[in-house]
Structure formats: C-alpha cells, structure tokens
Amino acid sequence: MDLKSVKEYFAWLYYQYQIISCCAVLEPWEQSMFNTILLTIVAMVVYTAYVFIPIHIRLAWEFFSKICGYHSAISS
C-alpha cells in the first residue's frame, strides 16, 4: 500500500464515522464537543478496563482454582 491509498482509506473511515454518528449535520463547534465527549468516554472505558480487568481475572482464577482443587503460585 502506498501513502496515498492509506490516506484515502483513513479519509473514507472518517467519512463513515461522520455519517454513522450524524456528525456531518452538526456545526463545527458541535462536532468538536461531540468528539471530545466521545473521546473522553472511550478513554475512561479503556482506563477502567486496564485497571480492573486484571483484578477480576485474578479473583476469578483464585475462585475457580479453589473449586477445582488447584492451588496456584499467584495466590498470596
């Protein structure tokens, strides 16, 4: 892939995003507010997943290892 086709592909993806989210009919300041709020929500979801999913996986592993009788080295 050359640089022009990659640029066109990203332009097409951005156009699809605008059409699907109805951003194409918003004014520029409304688009920036919508994009800011959406980016903030996505960032919070990613951060929460990064922080809490490993904890829940460890707790589930400990729970099921006690049920199955397997004692792992990661349990403290």
N, C-alpha and C. Protein backbone atom coordinates (compact mmCIF):
# COMPACT_ATOMS: atom_id res chain seq x y z
N MET A 1 0.85 -1.19 0.00
CA MET A 1 0.00 0.00 0.00
C MET A 1 0.89 1.24 0.00
N ASP A 2 0.55 2.16 -0.84
CA ASP A 2 1.30 3.40 -0.84
C ASP A 2 0.62 4.41 0.08
N LEU A 3 1.28 5.51 0.30
CA LEU A 3 0.81 6.51 1.25
C LEU A 3 -0.51 7.14 0.83
N LYS A 4 -0.71 7.31 -0.45
CA LYS A 4 -1.94 7.94 -0.93
C LYS A 4 -3.15 7.06 -0.66
N SER A 5 -3.02 5.76 -0.86
CA SER A 5 -4.16 4.88 -0.61
C SER A 5 -4.45 4.76 0.88
N VAL A 6 -3.43 4.81 1.73
CA VAL A 6 -3.65 4.80 3.17
C VAL A 6 -4.37 6.06 3.60
N LYS A 7 -3.95 7.20 3.04
CA LYS A 7 -4.60 8.47 3.36
C LYS A 7 -6.06 8.46 2.91
N GLU A 8 -6.31 7.92 1.74
CA GLU A 8 -7.69 7.83 1.24
C GLU A 8 -8.52 6.88 2.09
N TYR A 9 -7.92 5.80 2.55
CA TYR A 9 -8.63 4.86 3.41
C TYR A 9 -9.03 5.51 4.73
N PHE A 10 -8.11 6.25 5.35
CA PHE A 10 -8.44 6.94 6.60
C PHE A 10 -9.48 8.03 6.38
N ALA A 11 -9.41 8.71 5.24
CA ALA A 11 -10.43 9.70 4.92
C ALA A 11 -11.79 9.03 4.76
N TRP A 12 -11.80 7.86 4.13
CA TRP A 12 -13.05 7.12 3.98
C TRP A 12 -13.58 6.67 5.33
N LEU A 13 -12.71 6.18 6.23
CA LEU A 13 -13.14 5.79 7.57
C LEU A 13 -13.71 6.96 8.35
N TYR A 14 -13.07 8.12 8.24
CA TYR A 14 -13.56 9.30 8.94
C TYR A 14 -14.92 9.73 8.38
N TYR A 15 -15.08 9.63 7.07
CA TYR A 15 -16.36 9.95 6.44
C TYR A 15 -17.44 8.99 6.94
N GLN A 16 -17.14 7.71 7.02
CA GLN A 16 -18.10 6.74 7.53
C GLN A 16 -18.47 7.04 8.98
N TYR A 17 -17.49 7.42 9.79
CA TYR A 17 -17.74 7.80 11.18
C TYR A 17 -18.69 8.99 11.24
N GLN A 18 -18.46 9.98 10.41
CA GLN A 18 -19.33 11.16 10.41
C GLN A 18 -20.75 10.82 9.98
N ILE A 19 -20.89 9.96 8.99
CA ILE A 19 -22.22 9.59 8.52
C ILE A 19 -22.96 8.75 9.56
N ILE A 20 -22.28 7.77 10.14
CA ILE A 20 -22.93 6.88 11.10
C ILE A 20 -23.32 7.63 12.37
N SER A 21 -22.46 8.52 12.85
CA SER A 21 -22.74 9.24 14.10
C SER A 21 -23.51 10.54 13.87
N CYS A 22 -23.87 10.82 12.63
CA CYS A 22 -24.62 12.02 12.26
C CYS A 22 -23.84 13.31 12.56
N CYS A 23 -22.53 13.23 12.62
CA CYS A 23 -21.71 14.42 12.83
C CYS A 23 -21.69 15.32 11.60
N ALA A 24 -22.03 14.77 10.45
CA ALA A 24 -21.97 15.54 9.21
C ALA A 24 -22.98 16.68 9.21
N VAL A 25 -24.04 16.56 9.99
CA VAL A 25 -25.07 17.60 10.01
C VAL A 25 -24.86 18.60 11.15
N LEU A 26 -23.84 18.39 11.97
CA LEU A 26 -23.58 19.30 13.09
C LEU A 26 -22.69 20.46 12.65
N GLU A 27 -22.79 21.53 13.40
CA GLU A 27 -21.89 22.66 13.17
C GLU A 27 -20.51 22.29 13.71
N PRO A 28 -19.47 23.02 13.28
CA PRO A 28 -18.11 22.66 13.71
C PRO A 28 -17.92 22.65 15.23
N TRP A 29 -18.51 23.60 15.95
CA TRP A 29 -18.34 23.59 17.40
C TRP A 29 -19.09 22.43 18.03
N GLU A 30 -20.21 22.02 17.44
CA GLU A 30 -20.94 20.86 17.94
C GLU A 30 -20.17 19.57 17.65
N GLN A 31 -19.53 19.51 16.50
CA GLN A 31 -18.70 18.34 16.18
C GLN A 31 -17.55 18.20 17.17
N SER A 32 -16.91 19.32 17.49
CA SER A 32 -15.78 19.23 18.43
C SER A 32 -16.25 18.83 19.83
N MET A 33 -17.41 19.33 20.24
CA MET A 33 -17.95 18.94 21.55
C MET A 33 -18.31 17.45 21.56
N PHE A 34 -18.97 16.98 20.51
CA PHE A 34 -19.34 15.57 20.41
C PHE A 34 -18.10 14.69 20.40
N ASN A 35 -17.10 15.05 19.62
CA ASN A 35 -15.87 14.26 19.54
C ASN A 35 -15.12 14.26 20.86
N THR A 36 -15.11 15.40 21.56
CA THR A 36 -14.45 15.48 22.86
C THR A 36 -15.13 14.58 23.88
N ILE A 37 -16.45 14.63 23.92
CA ILE A 37 -17.20 13.79 24.87
C ILE A 37 -17.00 12.32 24.53
N LEU A 38 -17.08 11.98 23.25
CA LEU A 38 -16.89 10.59 22.84
C LEU A 38 -15.48 10.10 23.17
N LEU A 39 -14.47 10.92 22.91
CA LEU A 39 -13.10 10.54 23.23
C LEU A 39 -12.90 10.38 24.73
N THR A 40 -13.53 11.24 25.53
CA THR A 40 -13.43 11.13 26.98
C THR A 40 -14.06 9.83 27.47
N ILE A 41 -15.21 9.47 26.93
CA ILE A 41 -15.87 8.23 27.33
C ILE A 41 -15.02 7.02 26.95
N VAL A 42 -14.49 7.02 25.74
CA VAL A 42 -13.64 5.90 25.29
C VAL A 42 -12.39 5.80 26.16
N ALA A 43 -11.78 6.93 26.50
CA ALA A 43 -10.59 6.93 27.34
C ALA A 43 -10.90 6.38 28.73
N MET A 44 -12.06 6.75 29.29
CA MET A 44 -12.43 6.24 30.60
C MET A 44 -12.70 4.74 30.57
N VAL A 45 -13.32 4.24 29.51
CA VAL A 45 -13.57 2.81 29.40
C VAL A 45 -12.26 2.03 29.26
N VAL A 46 -11.35 2.54 28.46
CA VAL A 46 -10.06 1.87 28.29
C VAL A 46 -9.27 1.87 29.60
N TYR A 47 -9.25 2.99 30.31
CA TYR A 47 -8.54 3.06 31.58
C TYR A 47 -9.15 2.11 32.61
N THR A 48 -10.47 2.10 32.69
CA THR A 48 -11.15 1.22 33.64
C THR A 48 -10.87 -0.24 33.33
N ALA A 49 -10.89 -0.59 32.05
CA ALA A 49 -10.59 -1.96 31.66
C ALA A 49 -9.14 -2.31 32.01
N TYR A 50 -8.22 -1.38 31.78
CA TYR A 50 -6.81 -1.62 32.08
C TYR A 50 -6.58 -1.83 33.57
N VAL A 51 -7.31 -1.09 34.39
CA VAL A 51 -7.10 -1.17 35.84
C VAL A 51 -7.83 -2.35 36.47
N PHE A 52 -9.09 -2.57 36.10
CA PHE A 52 -9.92 -3.51 36.85
C PHE A 52 -10.02 -4.91 36.25
N ILE A 53 -9.84 -5.08 34.96
CA ILE A 53 -9.97 -6.42 34.39
C ILE A 53 -8.91 -7.38 34.93
N PRO A 54 -7.64 -6.99 35.06
CA PRO A 54 -6.68 -7.94 35.65
C PRO A 54 -7.03 -8.36 37.08
N ILE A 55 -7.60 -7.45 37.85
CA ILE A 55 -8.01 -7.78 39.22
C ILE A 55 -9.11 -8.83 39.19
N HIS A 56 -10.11 -8.62 38.33
CA HIS A 56 -11.21 -9.57 38.25
C HIS A 56 -10.76 -10.92 37.71
N ILE A 57 -9.84 -10.92 36.78
CA ILE A 57 -9.31 -12.19 36.26
C ILE A 57 -8.58 -12.95 37.36
N ARG A 58 -7.79 -12.23 38.16
CA ARG A 58 -7.07 -12.89 39.27
C ARG A 58 -8.05 -13.46 40.29
N LEU A 59 -9.09 -12.68 40.63
CA LEU A 59 -10.07 -13.17 41.60
C LEU A 59 -10.85 -14.37 41.05
N ALA A 60 -11.19 -14.34 39.78
CA ALA A 60 -11.89 -15.48 39.17
C ALA A 60 -10.98 -16.70 39.16
N TRP A 61 -9.69 -16.50 38.86
CA TRP A 61 -8.74 -17.61 38.85
C TRP A 61 -8.64 -18.23 40.24
N GLU A 62 -8.56 -17.40 41.27
CA GLU A 62 -8.49 -17.92 42.63
C GLU A 62 -9.76 -18.67 43.01
N PHE A 63 -10.92 -18.13 42.62
CA PHE A 63 -12.19 -18.77 42.94
C PHE A 63 -12.30 -20.14 42.28
N PHE A 64 -12.01 -20.19 40.97
CA PHE A 64 -12.14 -21.47 40.27
C PHE A 64 -11.03 -22.44 40.63
N SER A 65 -9.88 -21.94 41.02
CA SER A 65 -8.82 -22.86 41.43
C SER A 65 -9.16 -23.51 42.77
N LYS A 66 -9.88 -22.80 43.65
CA LYS A 66 -10.31 -23.41 44.91
C LYS A 66 -11.40 -24.44 44.67
N ILE A 67 -12.28 -24.17 43.70
CA ILE A 67 -13.33 -25.13 43.39
C ILE A 67 -12.74 -26.40 42.80
N CYS A 68 -11.79 -26.25 41.89
CA CYS A 68 -11.20 -27.40 41.21
C CYS A 68 -10.10 -28.07 42.02
N GLY A 69 -9.69 -27.48 43.12
CA GLY A 69 -8.64 -28.07 43.94
C GLY A 69 -7.24 -27.78 43.47
N TYR A 70 -7.09 -26.85 42.55
CA TYR A 70 -5.77 -26.49 42.04
C TYR A 70 -5.30 -25.24 42.76
N HIS A 71 -4.14 -25.31 43.43
CA HIS A 71 -3.60 -24.16 44.14
C HIS A 71 -2.43 -23.61 43.34
N SER A 72 -2.55 -22.38 42.90
CA SER A 72 -1.53 -21.79 42.06
C SER A 72 -0.54 -20.98 42.89
N ALA A 73 0.54 -20.61 42.23
CA ALA A 73 1.59 -19.84 42.90
C ALA A 73 1.27 -18.36 42.94
N ILE A 74 0.26 -17.89 42.18
CA ILE A 74 -0.03 -16.47 42.18
C ILE A 74 -0.90 -16.07 43.37
N SER A 75 -1.50 -17.02 44.05
CA SER A 75 -2.29 -16.70 45.21
C SER A 75 -1.39 -16.33 46.36
N SER A 76 -1.78 -15.28 47.07
CA SER A 76 -0.91 -14.84 48.18
C SER A 76 -1.51 -15.21 49.51
